[in-house]
Amino acid sequence: MSVSAYILIQTEVGKAADVADAVGAIEGVVTAEDVTGPYDVIARAQSDDVDQLGRMVVSKVQLIPGITRTLTCPVVRL
């Protein structure tokens, strides 16, 4: 069973489109879109397990220039 999560991303002013493009190019990211509100980009990602998801966020997503903060929200099935 795979793990899905929404990654809520805040960016520097004027960087949302570039960040969305860069995040969307990461393997495991299903979609990345720039939005309005308290977050600038929302991405949906999938991985084989929670550890792999965490490694993706820390080693790939958070290193993209222009990102100031991320919040990862795993999807739960109740």
C-alpha atoms as a PDB file:
ATOM      1  CA  MET A   1       0.000   0.000   0.000  1.00  0.00           C
ATOM      2  CA  SER A   2       1.369   3.410  -0.904  1.00  0.00           C
ATOM      3  CA  VAL A   3       1.364   6.589   1.163  1.00  0.00           C
ATOM      4  CA  SER A   4      -0.105   9.839  -0.197  1.00  0.00           C
ATOM      5  CA  ALA A   5       0.351  13.316   1.222  1.00  0.00           C
ATOM      6  CA  TYR A   6      -0.369  16.929   0.478  1.00  0.00           C
ATOM      7  CA  ILE A   7       2.662  19.190   0.792  1.00  0.00           C
ATOM      8  CA  LEU A   8       1.723  22.783   1.612  1.00  0.00           C
ATOM      9  CA  ILE A   9       4.492  25.148   0.553  1.00  0.00           C
ATOM     10  CA  GLN A  10       5.230  28.792   1.318  1.00  0.00           C
ATOM     11  CA  THR A  11       7.589  30.606  -1.049  1.00  0.00           C
ATOM     12  CA  GLU A  12       9.426  33.859  -1.391  1.00  0.00           C
ATOM     13  CA  VAL A  13       7.395  36.593  -3.072  1.00  0.00           C
ATOM     14  CA  GLY A  14       7.138  36.028  -6.822  1.00  0.00           C
ATOM     15  CA  LYS A  15       8.535  32.468  -6.737  1.00  0.00           C
ATOM     16  CA  ALA A  16       5.338  30.381  -6.619  1.00  0.00           C
ATOM     17  CA  ALA A  17       5.205  29.490 -10.325  1.00  0.00           C
ATOM     18  CA  ASP A  18       8.881  28.517 -10.451  1.00  0.00           C
ATOM     19  CA  VAL A  19       8.571  26.459  -7.274  1.00  0.00           C
ATOM     20  CA  ALA A  20       5.432  24.677  -8.544  1.00  0.00           C
ATOM     21  CA  ASP A  21       7.253  23.734 -11.756  1.00  0.00           C
ATOM     22  CA  ALA A  22      10.304  22.446  -9.873  1.00  0.00           C
ATOM     23  CA  VAL A  23       8.259  20.485  -7.326  1.00  0.00           C
ATOM     24  CA  GLY A  24       6.110  19.000 -10.082  1.00  0.00           C
ATOM     25  CA  ALA A  25       9.225  17.608 -11.775  1.00  0.00           C
ATOM     26  CA  ILE A  26      10.200  15.524  -8.716  1.00  0.00           C
ATOM     27  CA  GLU A  27       9.616  11.795  -9.023  1.00  0.00           C
ATOM     28  CA  GLY A  28       6.727  10.832  -6.776  1.00  0.00           C
ATOM     29  CA  VAL A  29       4.958  14.191  -7.023  1.00  0.00           C
ATOM     30  CA  VAL A  30       1.606  13.631  -8.704  1.00  0.00           C
ATOM     31  CA  THR A  31       0.640  17.291  -9.016  1.00  0.00           C
ATOM     32  CA  ALA A  32       1.904  20.709  -7.922  1.00  0.00           C
ATOM     33  CA  GLU A  33      -0.122  23.879  -8.349  1.00  0.00           C
ATOM     34  CA  ASP A  34       0.288  27.483  -7.292  1.00  0.00           C
ATOM     35  CA  VAL A  35      -2.638  28.716  -5.214  1.00  0.00           C
ATOM     36  CA  THR A  36      -3.708  31.766  -3.236  1.00  0.00           C
ATOM     37  CA  GLY A  37      -4.029  31.969   0.530  1.00  0.00           C
ATOM     38  CA  PRO A  38      -1.588  31.234   3.345  1.00  0.00           C
ATOM     39  CA  TYR A  39       0.301  28.738   1.136  1.00  0.00           C
ATOM     40  CA  ASP A  40       1.649  29.482  -2.313  1.00  0.00           C
ATOM     41  CA  VAL A  41       1.952  25.959  -3.731  1.00  0.00           C
ATOM     42  CA  ILE A  42       0.122  22.745  -2.886  1.00  0.00           C
ATOM     43  CA  ALA A  43       1.550  19.457  -4.113  1.00  0.00           C
ATOM     44  CA  ARG A  44       0.279  15.899  -3.864  1.00  0.00           C
ATOM     45  CA  ALA A  45       2.918  13.201  -3.558  1.00  0.00           C
ATOM     46  CA  GLN A  46       2.950   9.416  -3.349  1.00  0.00           C
ATOM     47  CA  SER A  47       5.598   7.024  -2.077  1.00  0.00           C
ATOM     48  CA  ASP A  48       5.944   3.419  -0.971  1.00  0.00           C
ATOM     49  CA  ASP A  49       6.122   4.277   2.735  1.00  0.00           C
ATOM     50  CA  VAL A  50       6.261   7.173   5.201  1.00  0.00           C
ATOM     51  CA  ASP A  51      10.066   7.080   5.442  1.00  0.00           C
ATOM     52  CA  GLN A  52      10.470   7.413   1.688  1.00  0.00           C
ATOM     53  CA  LEU A  53       7.972  10.281   1.688  1.00  0.00           C
ATOM     54  CA  GLY A  54       9.921  12.068   4.417  1.00  0.00           C
ATOM     55  CA  ARG A  55      13.198  11.625   2.532  1.00  0.00           C
ATOM     56  CA  MET A  56      11.598  13.067  -0.618  1.00  0.00           C
ATOM     57  CA  VAL A  57      10.398  16.163   1.222  1.00  0.00           C
ATOM     58  CA  VAL A  58      13.662  16.790   3.091  1.00  0.00           C
ATOM     59  CA  SER A  59      16.171  15.905   0.372  1.00  0.00           C
ATOM     60  CA  LYS A  60      14.343  17.151  -2.719  1.00  0.00           C
ATOM     61  CA  VAL A  61      11.405  19.470  -2.058  1.00  0.00           C
ATOM     62  CA  GLN A  62      12.902  21.594   0.743  1.00  0.00           C
ATOM     63  CA  LEU A  63      16.105  22.189  -1.230  1.00  0.00           C
ATOM     64  CA  ILE A  64      14.321  23.991  -4.079  1.00  0.00           C
ATOM     65  CA  PRO A  65      15.329  27.659  -4.202  1.00  0.00           C
ATOM     66  CA  GLY A  66      12.513  30.004  -3.187  1.00  0.00           C
ATOM     67  CA  ILE A  67      10.836  27.680  -0.667  1.00  0.00           C
ATOM     68  CA  THR A  68      10.640  29.147   2.829  1.00  0.00           C
ATOM     69  CA  ARG A  69       8.468  26.554   4.625  1.00  0.00           C
ATOM     70  CA  THR A  70       6.688  23.253   4.043  1.00  0.00           C
ATOM     71  CA  LEU A  71       3.956  21.389   5.887  1.00  0.00           C
ATOM     72  CA  THR A  72       3.414  17.736   4.967  1.00  0.00           C
ATOM     73  CA  CYS A  73      -0.092  16.341   5.521  1.00  0.00           C
ATOM     74  CA  PRO A  74      -0.326  12.556   5.035  1.00  0.00           C
ATOM     75  CA  VAL A  75      -3.655  11.314   3.718  1.00  0.00           C
ATOM     76  CA  VAL A  76      -5.492   8.970   6.099  1.00  0.00           C
ATOM     77  CA  ARG A  77      -8.313   6.621   5.264  1.00  0.00           C
ATOM     78  CA  LEU A  78     -10.817   6.493   8.130  1.00  0.00           C
END
